[in-house]
PDB file of N, CA and C in Angstrom:
ATOM      1  N   MET A   1      -3.229 -14.438 180.757  1.00  0.00           N
ATOM      2  CA  MET A   1      -3.822 -15.734 180.970  1.00  0.00           C
ATOM      3  C   MET A   1      -3.054 -16.848 180.263  1.00  0.00           C
ATOM      4  N   ARG A   2      -2.396 -16.526 179.160  1.00  0.00           N
ATOM      5  CA  ARG A   2      -1.671 -17.558 178.436  1.00  0.00           C
ATOM      6  C   ARG A   2      -0.454 -18.054 179.210  1.00  0.00           C
ATOM      7  N   ALA A   3       0.083 -17.209 180.041  1.00  0.00           N
ATOM      8  CA  ALA A   3       1.288 -17.593 180.776  1.00  0.00           C
ATOM      9  C   ALA A   3       0.990 -18.686 181.804  1.00  0.00           C
ATOM     10  N   SER A   4      -0.192 -18.714 182.373  1.00  0.00           N
ATOM     11  CA  SER A   4      -0.468 -19.697 183.413  1.00  0.00           C
ATOM     12  C   SER A   4      -0.530 -21.135 182.876  1.00  0.00           C
ATOM     13  N   PRO A   5      -1.158 -21.428 181.720  1.00  0.00           N
ATOM     14  CA  PRO A   5      -1.101 -22.806 181.221  1.00  0.00           C
ATOM     15  C   PRO A   5       0.327 -23.216 180.834  1.00  0.00           C
ATOM     16  N   LEU A   6       1.091 -22.278 180.311  1.00  0.00           N
ATOM     17  CA  LEU A   6       2.484 -22.601 179.975  1.00  0.00           C
ATOM     18  C   LEU A   6       3.307 -22.839 181.230  1.00  0.00           C
ATOM     19  N   LEU A   7       3.052 -22.035 182.245  1.00  0.00           N
ATOM     20  CA  LEU A   7       3.753 -22.209 183.508  1.00  0.00           C
ATOM     21  C   LEU A   7       3.395 -23.542 184.151  1.00  0.00           C
ATOM     22  N   LEU A   8       2.128 -23.886 184.113  1.00  0.00           N
ATOM     23  CA  LEU A   8       1.676 -25.161 184.660  1.00  0.00           C
ATOM     24  C   LEU A   8       2.320 -26.332 183.913  1.00  0.00           C
ATOM     25  N   ALA A   9       2.381 -26.241 182.609  1.00  0.00           N
ATOM     26  CA  ALA A   9       3.004 -27.303 181.808  1.00  0.00           C
ATOM     27  C   ALA A   9       4.489 -27.417 182.125  1.00  0.00           C
ATOM     28  N   ALA A  10       5.161 -26.292 182.312  1.00  0.00           N
ATOM     29  CA  ALA A  10       6.591 -26.317 182.632  1.00  0.00           C
ATOM     30  C   ALA A  10       6.833 -26.950 183.993  1.00  0.00           C
ATOM     31  N   VAL A  11       5.991 -26.629 184.964  1.00  0.00           N
ATOM     32  CA  VAL A  11       6.130 -27.204 186.302  1.00  0.00           C
ATOM     33  C   VAL A  11       5.887 -28.711 186.263  1.00  0.00           C
ATOM     34  N   LEU A  12       4.880 -29.130 185.532  1.00  0.00           N
ATOM     35  CA  LEU A  12       4.594 -30.562 185.428  1.00  0.00           C
ATOM     36  C   LEU A  12       5.730 -31.313 184.754  1.00  0.00           C
ATOM     37  N   LEU A  13       6.303 -30.741 183.705  1.00  0.00           N
ATOM     38  CA  LEU A  13       7.416 -31.394 183.019  1.00  0.00           C
ATOM     39  C   LEU A  13       8.657 -31.442 183.908  1.00  0.00           C
ATOM     40  N   ALA A  14       8.884 -30.399 184.682  1.00  0.00           N
ATOM     41  CA  ALA A  14      10.038 -30.379 185.578  1.00  0.00           C
ATOM     42  C   ALA A  14       9.879 -31.418 186.684  1.00  0.00           C
ATOM     43  N   GLY A  15       8.668 -31.588 187.192  1.00  0.00           N
ATOM     44  CA  GLY A  15       8.421 -32.543 188.257  1.00  0.00           C
ATOM     45  C   GLY A  15       8.297 -33.979 187.784  1.00  0.00           C
ATOM     46  N   TYR A  16       8.189 -34.170 186.479  1.00  0.00           N
ATOM     47  CA  TYR A  16       8.020 -35.510 185.923  1.00  0.00           C
ATOM     48  C   TYR A  16       9.195 -36.422 186.245  1.00  0.00           C
ATOM     49  N   GLY A  17      10.403 -35.905 186.274  1.00  0.00           N
ATOM     50  CA  GLY A  17      11.583 -36.733 186.520  1.00  0.00           C
ATOM     51  C   GLY A  17      11.901 -36.952 187.978  1.00  0.00           C
ATOM     52  N   LEU A  18      11.155 -36.359 188.904  1.00  0.00           N
ATOM     53  CA  LEU A  18      11.478 -36.475 190.317  1.00  0.00           C
ATOM     54  C   LEU A  18      11.442 -37.902 190.865  1.00  0.00           C
ATOM     55  N   PRO A  19      10.484 -38.745 190.530  1.00  0.00           N
ATOM     56  CA  PRO A  19      10.530 -40.096 191.074  1.00  0.00           C
ATOM     57  C   PRO A  19      11.773 -40.875 190.657  1.00  0.00           C
ATOM     58  N   ALA A  20      12.423 -40.485 189.594  1.00  0.00           N
ATOM     59  CA  ALA A  20      13.629 -41.177 189.148  1.00  0.00           C
ATOM     60  C   ALA A  20      14.814 -40.908 190.071  1.00  0.00           C
ATOM     61  N   LEU A  21      14.678 -39.964 191.001  1.00  0.00           N
ATOM     62  CA  LEU A  21      15.772 -39.663 191.911  1.00  0.00           C
ATOM     63  C   LEU A  21      16.023 -40.798 192.908  1.00  0.00           C
ATOM     64  N   ALA A  22      15.060 -41.646 193.148  1.00  0.00           N
ATOM     65  CA  ALA A  22      15.238 -42.776 194.049  1.00  0.00           C
ATOM     66  C   ALA A  22      15.960 -43.886 193.285  1.00  0.00           C
ATOM     67  N   THR A  23      17.276 -43.870 193.359  1.00  0.00           N
ATOM     68  CA  THR A  23      18.082 -44.838 192.623  1.00  0.00           C
ATOM     69  C   THR A  23      18.074 -46.183 193.341  1.00  0.00           C
ATOM     70  N   PRO A  24      18.405 -47.256 192.639  1.00  0.00           N
ATOM     71  CA  PRO A  24      18.476 -48.558 193.300  1.00  0.00           C
ATOM     72  C   PRO A  24      19.464 -48.558 194.466  1.00  0.00           C
ATOM     73  N   CYS A  25      20.563 -47.843 194.315  1.00  0.00           N
ATOM     74  CA  CYS A  25      21.541 -47.803 195.390  1.00  0.00           C
ATOM     75  C   CYS A  25      20.965 -47.097 196.618  1.00  0.00           C
ATOM     76  N   ALA A  26      20.229 -46.023 196.396  1.00  0.00           N
ATOM     77  CA  ALA A  26      19.607 -45.308 197.517  1.00  0.00           C
ATOM     78  C   ALA A  26      18.585 -46.201 198.214  1.00  0.00           C
ATOM     79  N   GLN A  27      17.872 -47.003 197.447  1.00  0.00           N
ATOM     80  CA  GLN A  27      16.909 -47.925 198.047  1.00  0.00           C
ATOM     81  C   GLN A  27      17.616 -48.996 198.871  1.00  0.00           C
ATOM     82  N   HIS A  28      18.763 -49.474 198.387  1.00  0.00           N
ATOM     83  CA  HIS A  28      19.529 -50.472 199.137  1.00  0.00           C
ATOM     84  C   HIS A  28      20.113 -49.874 200.412  1.00  0.00           C
ATOM     85  N   VAL A  29      20.547 -48.616 200.339  1.00  0.00           N
ATOM     86  CA  VAL A  29      21.057 -47.929 201.533  1.00  0.00           C
ATOM     87  C   VAL A  29      19.956 -47.875 202.589  1.00  0.00           C
ATOM     88  N   GLY A  30      18.758 -47.492 202.176  1.00  0.00           N
ATOM     89  CA  GLY A  30      17.638 -47.430 203.108  1.00  0.00           C
ATOM     90  C   GLY A  30      17.300 -48.783 203.702  1.00  0.00           C
ATOM     91  N   ALA A  31      17.344 -49.816 202.871  1.00  0.00           N
ATOM     92  CA  ALA A  31      17.039 -51.165 203.361  1.00  0.00           C
ATOM     93  C   ALA A  31      18.085 -51.632 204.373  1.00  0.00           C
ATOM     94  N   LEU A  32      19.359 -51.361 204.099  1.00  0.00           N
ATOM     95  CA  LEU A  32      20.398 -51.761 205.047  1.00  0.00           C
ATOM     96  C   LEU A  32      20.328 -50.959 206.338  1.00  0.00           C
ATOM     97  N   GLN A  33      19.973 -49.687 206.243  1.00  0.00           N
ATOM     98  CA  GLN A  33      19.814 -48.892 207.461  1.00  0.00           C
ATOM     99  C   GLN A  33      18.683 -49.439 208.318  1.00  0.00           C
ATOM    100  N   ARG A  34      17.585 -49.826 207.683  1.00  0.00           N
ATOM    101  CA  ARG A  34      16.480 -50.425 208.442  1.00  0.00           C
ATOM    102  C   ARG A  34      16.915 -51.753 209.058  1.00  0.00           C
ATOM    103  N   ARG A  35      17.725 -52.501 208.327  1.00  0.00           N
ATOM    104  CA  ARG A  35      18.210 -53.786 208.838  1.00  0.00           C
ATOM    105  C   ARG A  35      19.103 -53.586 210.060  1.00  0.00           C
ATOM    106  N   LEU A  36      19.905 -52.512 210.037  1.00  0.00           N
ATOM    107  CA  LEU A  36      20.776 -52.233 211.177  1.00  0.00           C
ATOM    108  C   LEU A  36      20.019 -51.587 212.337  1.00  0.00           C
ATOM    109  N   ASP A  37      18.794 -51.183 212.106  1.00  0.00           N
ATOM    110  CA  ASP A  37      17.948 -50.654 213.174  1.00  0.00           C
ATOM    111  C   ASP A  37      16.961 -51.709 213.674  1.00  0.00           C
ATOM    112  N   SER A  38      17.184 -52.941 213.303  1.00  0.00           N
ATOM    113  CA  SER A  38      16.266 -54.013 213.678  1.00  0.00           C
ATOM    114  C   SER A  38      16.602 -54.559 215.063  1.00  0.00           C
ATOM    115  N   VAL A  39      15.701 -55.362 215.577  1.00  0.00           N
ATOM    116  CA  VAL A  39      15.897 -55.993 216.880  1.00  0.00           C
ATOM    117  C   VAL A  39      17.125 -56.895 216.849  1.00  0.00           C
ATOM    118  N   GLY A  40      17.342 -57.596 215.750  1.00  0.00           N
ATOM    119  CA  GLY A  40      18.495 -58.499 215.648  1.00  0.00           C
ATOM    120  C   GLY A  40      19.815 -57.757 215.735  1.00  0.00           C
ATOM    121  N   ALA A  41      19.917 -56.598 215.090  1.00  0.00           N
ATOM    122  CA  ALA A  41      21.149 -55.814 215.143  1.00  0.00           C
ATOM    123  C   ALA A  41      21.378 -55.267 216.542  1.00  0.00           C
ATOM    124  N   VAL A  42      20.312 -54.840 217.216  1.00  0.00           N
ATOM    125  CA  VAL A  42      20.443 -54.348 218.583  1.00  0.00           C
ATOM    126  C   VAL A  42      20.822 -55.491 219.510  1.00  0.00           C
ATOM    127  N   HIS A  43      20.324 -56.681 219.227  1.00  0.00           N
ATOM    128  CA  HIS A  43      20.679 -57.863 220.014  1.00  0.00           C
ATOM    129  C   HIS A  43      22.180 -58.131 219.938  1.00  0.00           C
ATOM    130  N   VAL A  44      22.775 -57.921 218.775  1.00  0.00           N
ATOM    131  CA  VAL A  44      24.200 -58.175 218.576  1.00  0.00           C
ATOM    132  C   VAL A  44      25.050 -57.002 219.057  1.00  0.00           C
ATOM    133  N   ALA A  45      24.688 -55.794 218.649  1.00  0.00           N
ATOM    134  CA  ALA A  45      25.549 -54.626 218.879  1.00  0.00           C
ATOM    135  C   ALA A  45      25.147 -53.776 220.075  1.00  0.00           C
ATOM    136  N   GLY A  46      23.959 -53.966 220.589  1.00  0.00           N
ATOM    137  CA  GLY A  46      23.488 -53.121 221.674  1.00  0.00           C
ATOM    138  C   GLY A  46      22.868 -51.842 221.138  1.00  0.00           C
ATOM    139  N   LEU A  47      22.187 -51.132 222.007  1.00  0.00           N
ATOM    140  CA  LEU A  47      21.537 -49.886 221.626  1.00  0.00           C
ATOM    141  C   LEU A  47      22.542 -48.753 221.773  1.00  0.00           C
ATOM    142  N   GLU A  48      22.804 -48.072 220.675  1.00  0.00           N
ATOM    143  CA  GLU A  48      23.797 -47.003 220.647  1.00  0.00           C
ATOM    144  C   GLU A  48      23.110 -45.651 220.770  1.00  0.00           C
ATOM    145  N   PRO A  49      23.849 -44.612 221.199  1.00  0.00           N
ATOM    146  CA  PRO A  49      23.250 -43.282 221.296  1.00  0.00           C
ATOM    147  C   PRO A  49      22.723 -42.811 219.944  1.00  0.00           C
ATOM    148  N   GLY A  50      21.524 -42.264 219.941  1.00  0.00           N
ATOM    149  CA  GLY A  50      20.922 -41.783 218.712  1.00  0.00           C
ATOM    150  C   GLY A  50      20.300 -42.881 217.864  1.00  0.00           C
ATOM    151  N   HIS A  51      20.331 -44.096 218.328  1.00  0.00           N
ATOM    152  CA  HIS A  51      19.822 -45.249 217.593  1.00  0.00           C
ATOM    153  C   HIS A  51      18.308 -45.322 217.764  1.00  0.00           C
ATOM    154  N   THR A  52      17.614 -45.546 216.675  1.00  0.00           N
ATOM    155  CA  THR A  52      16.174 -45.777 216.740  1.00  0.00           C
ATOM    156  C   THR A  52      15.895 -47.206 216.333  1.00  0.00           C
ATOM    157  N   LEU A  53      15.031 -47.837 217.047  1.00  0.00           N
ATOM    158  CA  LEU A  53      14.714 -49.235 216.809  1.00  0.00           C
ATOM    159  C   LEU A  53      13.539 -49.335 215.851  1.00  0.00           C
ATOM    160  N   THR A  54      13.713 -50.100 214.777  1.00  0.00           N
ATOM    161  CA  THR A  54      12.667 -50.303 213.793  1.00  0.00           C
ATOM    162  C   THR A  54      11.935 -51.592 214.126  1.00  0.00           C
ATOM    163  N   THR A  55      10.618 -51.529 214.151  1.00  0.00           N
ATOM    164  CA  THR A  55       9.821 -52.721 214.430  1.00  0.00           C
ATOM    165  C   THR A  55       8.718 -52.827 213.392  1.00  0.00           C
ATOM    166  N   GLY A  56       8.106 -53.979 213.327  1.00  0.00           N
ATOM    167  CA  GLY A  56       6.942 -54.153 212.495  1.00  0.00           C
ATOM    168  C   GLY A  56       7.217 -54.468 211.033  1.00  0.00           C
ATOM    169  N   SER A  57       8.397 -54.987 210.712  1.00  0.00           N
ATOM    170  CA  SER A  57       8.681 -55.340 209.329  1.00  0.00           C
ATOM    171  C   SER A  57       7.881 -56.576 208.948  1.00  0.00           C
ATOM    172  N   VAL A  58       7.339 -56.582 207.753  1.00  0.00           N
ATOM    173  CA  VAL A  58       6.574 -57.737 207.291  1.00  0.00           C
ATOM    174  C   VAL A  58       7.495 -58.919 207.005  1.00  0.00           C
ATOM    175  N   LYS A  59       8.810 -58.652 206.825  1.00  0.00           N
ATOM    176  CA  LYS A  59       9.761 -59.721 206.538  1.00  0.00           C
ATOM    177  C   LYS A  59      10.483 -60.214 207.792  1.00  0.00           C
ATOM    178  N   ALA A  60      10.213 -59.592 208.925  1.00  0.00           N
ATOM    179  CA  ALA A  60      10.917 -59.953 210.156  1.00  0.00           C
ATOM    180  C   ALA A  60      10.432 -61.296 210.683  1.00  0.00           C
ATOM    181  N   LEU A  61      11.340 -61.991 211.331  1.00  0.00           N
ATOM    182  CA  LEU A  61      10.976 -63.233 212.006  1.00  0.00           C
ATOM    183  C   LEU A  61      10.233 -62.890 213.289  1.00  0.00           C
ATOM    184  N   PRO A  62       9.345 -63.769 213.746  1.00  0.00           N
ATOM    185  CA  PRO A  62       8.597 -63.457 214.968  1.00  0.00           C
ATOM    186  C   PRO A  62       9.498 -63.379 216.210  1.00  0.00           C
ATOM    187  N   ARG A  63      10.634 -64.031 216.183  1.00  0.00           N
ATOM    188  CA  ARG A  63      11.590 -63.975 217.291  1.00  0.00           C
ATOM    189  C   ARG A  63      12.970 -64.273 216.736  1.00  0.00           C
ATOM    190  N   ALA A  64      13.974 -63.952 217.516  1.00  0.00           N
ATOM    191  CA  ALA A  64      15.348 -64.218 217.090  1.00  0.00           C
ATOM    192  C   ALA A  64      15.593 -65.723 217.067  1.00  0.00           C
ATOM    193  N   LEU A  65      16.360 -66.180 216.099  1.00  0.00           N
ATOM    194  CA  LEU A  65      16.672 -67.601 216.000  1.00  0.00           C
ATOM    195  C   LEU A  65      17.654 -68.005 217.094  1.00  0.00           C
ATOM    196  N   ALA A  66      17.476 -69.193 217.644  1.00  0.00           N
ATOM    197  CA  ALA A  66      18.359 -69.677 218.707  1.00  0.00           C
ATOM    198  C   ALA A  66      19.697 -70.145 218.136  1.00  0.00           C
ATOM    199  N   ASP A  67      19.676 -70.691 216.931  1.00  0.00           N
ATOM    200  CA  ASP A  67      20.898 -71.223 216.327  1.00  0.00           C
ATOM    201  C   ASP A  67      21.683 -70.119 215.640  1.00  0.00           C
ATOM    202  N   GLN A  68      23.000 -70.222 215.700  1.00  0.00           N
ATOM    203  CA  GLN A  68      23.881 -69.309 214.981  1.00  0.00           C
ATOM    204  C   GLN A  68      24.204 -69.918 213.624  1.00  0.00           C
ATOM    205  N   PRO A  69      24.522 -69.094 212.637  1.00  0.00           N
ATOM    206  CA  PRO A  69      24.909 -69.644 211.335  1.00  0.00           C
ATOM    207  C   PRO A  69      26.163 -70.503 211.471  1.00  0.00           C
ATOM    208  N   GLY A  70      26.250 -71.541 210.663  1.00  0.00           N
ATOM    209  CA  GLY A  70      27.403 -72.435 210.710  1.00  0.00           C
ATOM    210  C   GLY A  70      28.681 -71.789 210.202  1.00  0.00           C
ATOM    211  N   ASP A  71      28.575 -70.898 209.253  1.00  0.00           N
ATOM    212  CA  ASP A  71      29.734 -70.230 208.690  1.00  0.00           C
ATOM    213  C   ASP A  71      30.159 -69.085 209.609  1.00  0.00           C
ATOM    214  N   PRO A  72      31.394 -69.118 210.145  1.00  0.00           N
ATOM    215  CA  PRO A  72      31.827 -68.050 211.054  1.00  0.00           C
ATOM    216  C   PRO A  72      31.811 -66.660 210.422  1.00  0.00           C
ATOM    217  N   GLN A  73      31.970 -66.569 209.112  1.00  0.00           N
ATOM    218  CA  GLN A  73      31.955 -65.264 208.454  1.00  0.00           C
ATOM    219  C   GLN A  73      30.559 -64.649 208.441  1.00  0.00           C
ATOM    220  N   LEU A  74      29.533 -65.445 208.617  1.00  0.00           N
ATOM    221  CA  LEU A  74      28.169 -64.948 208.613  1.00  0.00           C
ATOM    222  C   LEU A  74      27.689 -64.546 210.004  1.00  0.00           C
ATOM    223  N   ARG A  75      28.504 -64.773 211.026  1.00  0.00           N
ATOM    224  CA  ARG A  75      28.115 -64.409 212.381  1.00  0.00           C
ATOM    225  C   ARG A  75      28.416 -62.931 212.608  1.00  0.00           C
ATOM    226  N   PRO A  76      27.399 -62.147 212.842  1.00  0.00           N
ATOM    227  CA  PRO A  76      27.631 -60.714 213.041  1.00  0.00           C
ATOM    228  C   PRO A  76      28.253 -60.439 214.404  1.00  0.00           C
ATOM    229  N   THR A  77      29.088 -59.413 214.443  1.00  0.00           N
ATOM    230  CA  THR A  77      29.692 -58.978 215.696  1.00  0.00           C
ATOM    231  C   THR A  77      29.420 -57.491 215.874  1.00  0.00           C
ATOM    232  N   ARG A  78      29.615 -57.020 217.077  1.00  0.00           N
ATOM    233  CA  ARG A  78      29.414 -55.600 217.373  1.00  0.00           C
ATOM    234  C   ARG A  78      30.319 -54.731 216.494  1.00  0.00           C
ATOM    235  N   GLU A  79      31.577 -55.168 216.334  1.00  0.00           N
ATOM    236  CA  GLU A  79      32.540 -54.403 215.537  1.00  0.00           C
ATOM    237  C   GLU A  79      32.135 -54.365 214.066  1.00  0.00           C
ATOM    238  N   ASN A  80      31.661 -55.502 213.565  1.00  0.00           N
ATOM    239  CA  ASN A  80      31.253 -55.559 212.154  1.00  0.00           C
ATOM    240  C   ASN A  80      30.033 -54.671 211.893  1.00  0.00           C
ATOM    241  N   ILE A  81      29.112 -54.630 212.829  1.00  0.00           N
ATOM    242  CA  ILE A  81      27.926 -53.790 212.645  1.00  0.00           C
ATOM    243  C   ILE A  81      28.323 -52.321 212.685  1.00  0.00           C
ATOM    244  N   ALA A  82      29.247 -51.958 213.588  1.00  0.00           N
ATOM    245  CA  ALA A  82      29.726 -50.570 213.636  1.00  0.00           C
ATOM    246  C   ALA A  82      30.437 -50.204 212.332  1.00  0.00           C
ATOM    247  N   ALA A  83      31.249 -51.120 211.815  1.00  0.00           N
ATOM    248  CA  ALA A  83      31.948 -50.862 210.548  1.00  0.00           C
ATOM    249  C   ALA A  83      30.953 -50.770 209.395  1.00  0.00           C
ATOM    250  N   ALA A  84      29.900 -51.589 209.423  1.00  0.00           N
ATOM    251  CA  ALA A  84      28.880 -51.547 208.370  1.00  0.00           C
ATOM    252  C   ALA A  84      28.134 -50.217 208.393  1.00  0.00           C
ATOM    253  N   ARG A  85      27.882 -49.685 209.583  1.00  0.00           N
ATOM    254  CA  ARG A  85      27.225 -48.374 209.678  1.00  0.00           C
ATOM    255  C   ARG A  85      28.071 -47.297 209.005  1.00  0.00           C
ATOM    256  N   LEU A  86      29.375 -47.345 209.240  1.00  0.00           N
ATOM    257  CA  LEU A  86      30.276 -46.372 208.607  1.00  0.00           C
ATOM    258  C   LEU A  86      30.277 -46.541 207.088  1.00  0.00           C
ATOM    259  N   LEU A  87      30.283 -47.795 206.637  1.00  0.00           N
ATOM    260  CA  LEU A  87      30.263 -48.045 205.196  1.00  0.00           C
ATOM    261  C   LEU A  87      28.966 -47.543 204.557  1.00  0.00           C
ATOM    262  N   ILE A  88      27.861 -47.671 205.275  1.00  0.00           N
ATOM    263  CA  ILE A  88      26.581 -47.209 204.733  1.00  0.00           C
ATOM    264  C   ILE A  88      26.589 -45.690 204.580  1.00  0.00           C
ATOM    265  N   HIS A  89      27.193 -44.988 205.538  1.00  0.00           N
ATOM    266  CA  HIS A  89      27.318 -43.532 205.397  1.00  0.00           C
ATOM    267  C   HIS A  89      28.200 -43.181 204.198  1.00  0.00           C
ATOM    268  N   GLU A  90      29.266 -43.947 204.019  1.00  0.00           N
ATOM    269  CA  GLU A  90      30.160 -43.727 202.875  1.00  0.00           C
ATOM    270  C   GLU A  90      29.429 -44.001 201.562  1.00  0.00           C
ATOM    271  N   ALA A  91      28.619 -45.065 201.543  1.00  0.00           N
ATOM    272  CA  ALA A  91      27.847 -45.391 200.337  1.00  0.00           C
ATOM    273  C   ALA A  91      26.837 -44.301 200.033  1.00  0.00           C
ATOM    274  N   SER A  92      26.229 -43.731 201.069  1.00  0.00           N
ATOM    275  CA  SER A  92      25.282 -42.631 200.856  1.00  0.00           C
ATOM    276  C   SER A  92      25.973 -41.428 200.225  1.00  0.00           C
ATOM    277  N   ALA A  93      27.190 -41.152 200.680  1.00  0.00           N
ATOM    278  CA  ALA A  93      27.945 -40.034 200.117  1.00  0.00           C
ATOM    279  C   ALA A  93      28.286 -40.289 198.651  1.00  0.00           C
ATOM    280  N   GLU A  94      28.680 -41.507 198.336  1.00  0.00           N
ATOM    281  CA  GLU A  94      28.988 -41.860 196.944  1.00  0.00           C
ATOM    282  C   GLU A  94      27.740 -41.750 196.068  1.00  0.00           C
ATOM    283  N   GLU A  95      26.610 -42.183 196.597  1.00  0.00           N
ATOM    284  CA  GLU A  95      25.358 -42.130 195.845  1.00  0.00           C
ATOM    285  C   GLU A  95      24.956 -40.682 195.603  1.00  0.00           C
ATOM    286  N   ALA A  96      25.161 -39.826 196.603  1.00  0.00           N
ATOM    287  CA  ALA A  96      24.823 -38.409 196.452  1.00  0.00           C
ATOM    288  C   ALA A  96      25.685 -37.736 195.386  1.00  0.00           C
ATOM    289  N   GLU A  97      26.903 -38.232 195.220  1.00  0.00           N
ATOM    290  CA  GLU A  97      27.799 -37.690 194.189  1.00  0.00           C
ATOM    291  C   GLU A  97      27.523 -38.297 192.816  1.00  0.00           C
ATOM    292  N   GLY A  98      26.657 -39.298 192.765  1.00  0.00           N
ATOM    293  CA  GLY A  98      26.311 -39.922 191.492  1.00  0.00           C
ATOM    294  C   GLY A  98      27.169 -41.117 191.127  1.00  0.00           C
ATOM    295  N   ASN A  99      27.968 -41.620 192.058  1.00  0.00           N
ATOM    296  CA  ASN A  99      28.836 -42.777 191.820  1.00  0.00           C
ATOM    297  C   ASN A  99      28.096 -44.061 192.191  1.00  0.00           C
ATOM    298  N   GLN A 100      27.231 -44.514 191.307  1.00  0.00           N
ATOM    299  CA  GLN A 100      26.406 -45.678 191.596  1.00  0.00           C
ATOM    300  C   GLN A 100      27.231 -46.949 191.774  1.00  0.00           C
ATOM    301  N   ARG A 101      28.239 -47.144 190.939  1.00  0.00           N
ATOM    302  CA  ARG A 101      29.066 -48.358 191.024  1.00  0.00           C
ATOM    303  C   ARG A 101      29.811 -48.402 192.359  1.00  0.00           C
ATOM    304  N   ALA A 102      30.380 -47.273 192.779  1.00  0.00           N
ATOM    305  CA  ALA A 102      31.091 -47.218 194.054  1.00  0.00           C
ATOM    306  C   ALA A 102      30.124 -47.468 195.208  1.00  0.00           C
ATOM    307  N   CYS A 103      28.929 -46.904 195.116  1.00  0.00           N
ATOM    308  CA  CYS A 103      27.910 -47.118 196.144  1.00  0.00           C
ATOM    309  C   CYS A 103      27.572 -48.604 196.262  1.00  0.00           C
ATOM    310  N   GLU A 104      27.363 -49.256 195.143  1.00  0.00           N
ATOM    311  CA  GLU A 104      27.018 -50.686 195.154  1.00  0.00           C
ATOM    312  C   GLU A 104      28.156 -51.535 195.712  1.00  0.00           C
ATOM    313  N   ASN A 105      29.394 -51.195 195.358  1.00  0.00           N
ATOM    314  CA  ASN A 105      30.540 -51.948 195.878  1.00  0.00           C
ATOM    315  C   ASN A 105      30.671 -51.798 197.385  1.00  0.00           C
ATOM    316  N   ILE A 106      30.474 -50.590 197.876  1.00  0.00           N
ATOM    317  CA  ILE A 106      30.564 -50.355 199.324  1.00  0.00           C
ATOM    318  C   ILE A 106      29.442 -51.092 200.043  1.00  0.00           C
ATOM    319  N   LEU A 107      28.248 -51.086 199.469  1.00  0.00           N
ATOM    320  CA  LEU A 107      27.132 -51.798 200.098  1.00  0.00           C
ATOM    321  C   LEU A 107      27.362 -53.303 200.124  1.00  0.00           C
ATOM    322  N   SER A 108      28.035 -53.833 199.108  1.00  0.00           N
ATOM    323  CA  SER A 108      28.365 -55.265 199.115  1.00  0.00           C
ATOM    324  C   SER A 108      29.280 -55.589 200.294  1.00  0.00           C
ATOM    325  N   ASP A 109      30.250 -54.713 200.541  1.00  0.00           N
ATOM    326  CA  ASP A 109      31.135 -54.916 201.690  1.00  0.00           C
ATOM    327  C   ASP A 109      30.364 -54.818 202.999  1.00  0.00           C
ATOM    328  N   ALA A 110      29.432 -53.874 203.078  1.00  0.00           N
ATOM    329  CA  ALA A 110      28.630 -53.714 204.291  1.00  0.00           C
ATOM    330  C   ALA A 110      27.773 -54.954 204.537  1.00  0.00           C
ATOM    331  N   LYS A 111      27.187 -55.503 203.482  1.00  0.00           N
ATOM    332  CA  LYS A 111      26.364 -56.708 203.624  1.00  0.00           C
ATOM    333  C   LYS A 111      27.189 -57.878 204.138  1.00  0.00           C
ATOM    334  N   ARG A 112      28.431 -58.004 203.643  1.00  0.00           N
ATOM    335  CA  ARG A 112      29.308 -59.075 204.120  1.00  0.00           C
ATOM    336  C   ARG A 112      29.601 -58.908 205.609  1.00  0.00           C
ATOM    337  N   LEU A 113      29.816 -57.675 206.017  1.00  0.00           N
ATOM    338  CA  LEU A 113      30.115 -57.415 207.438  1.00  0.00           C
ATOM    339  C   LEU A 113      28.912 -57.701 208.327  1.00  0.00           C
ATOM    340  N   ILE A 114      27.720 -57.351 207.865  1.00  0.00           N
ATOM    341  CA  ILE A 114      26.527 -57.557 208.673  1.00  0.00           C
ATOM    342  C   ILE A 114      26.269 -59.038 208.885  1.00  0.00           C
ATOM    343  N   GLY A 115      26.436 -59.811 207.825  1.00  0.00           N
ATOM    344  CA  GLY A 115      26.197 -61.251 207.956  1.00  0.00           C
ATOM    345  C   GLY A 115      24.736 -61.577 208.171  1.00  0.00           C
ATOM    346  N   ALA A 116      24.493 -62.644 208.892  1.00  0.00           N
ATOM    347  CA  ALA A 116      23.120 -63.102 209.159  1.00  0.00           C
ATOM    348  C   ALA A 116      22.719 -62.624 210.550  1.00  0.00           C
ATOM    349  N   LEU A 117      21.912 -61.587 210.589  1.00  0.00           N
ATOM    350  CA  LEU A 117      21.449 -61.062 211.874  1.00  0.00           C
ATOM    351  C   LEU A 117      20.389 -61.980 212.478  1.00  0.00           C
ATOM    352  N   PRO A 118      20.390 -62.060 213.797  1.00  0.00           N
ATOM    353  CA  PRO A 118      19.356 -62.896 214.424  1.00  0.00           C
ATOM    354  C   PRO A 118      17.983 -62.300 214.255  1.00  0.00           C
TER     355      PRO A 118
END
C-alpha cells in the first residue's frame, strides 16, 4: 500500500512540468499557421491541396479590406505566402530541437513575407 502514494506523487511531479512544453516560439508558430489558414491568405494565395480554412477568429475582420497597404513590402503575394509556409515548417523543426533563438529569427522572416493579409 505504501508504494501507491509514492507512485502517485512521482506521477504528479513528473506531470507538473508538462505545461511548460508550450514555448513562446511554439505558440507563435501556431498563430502564424492559423493566420496562413485564414480567409485573407486564401484570398491572396488560393486554396492549396491539403489546406484547411480557419474561420471564426475573434480578431478577424468582418470582411477583407478593399484598400491595399501603401508600403509595397507589406503587400502579400502568393509566392511570399508559400515561402512563409516553408519557413514556418523550418521554425517548427528548430523549436523541436530546442533552438528558440533560431525559431524566433525564422518566424520574424516569415512575418515579413506574409505582410498585411486582407
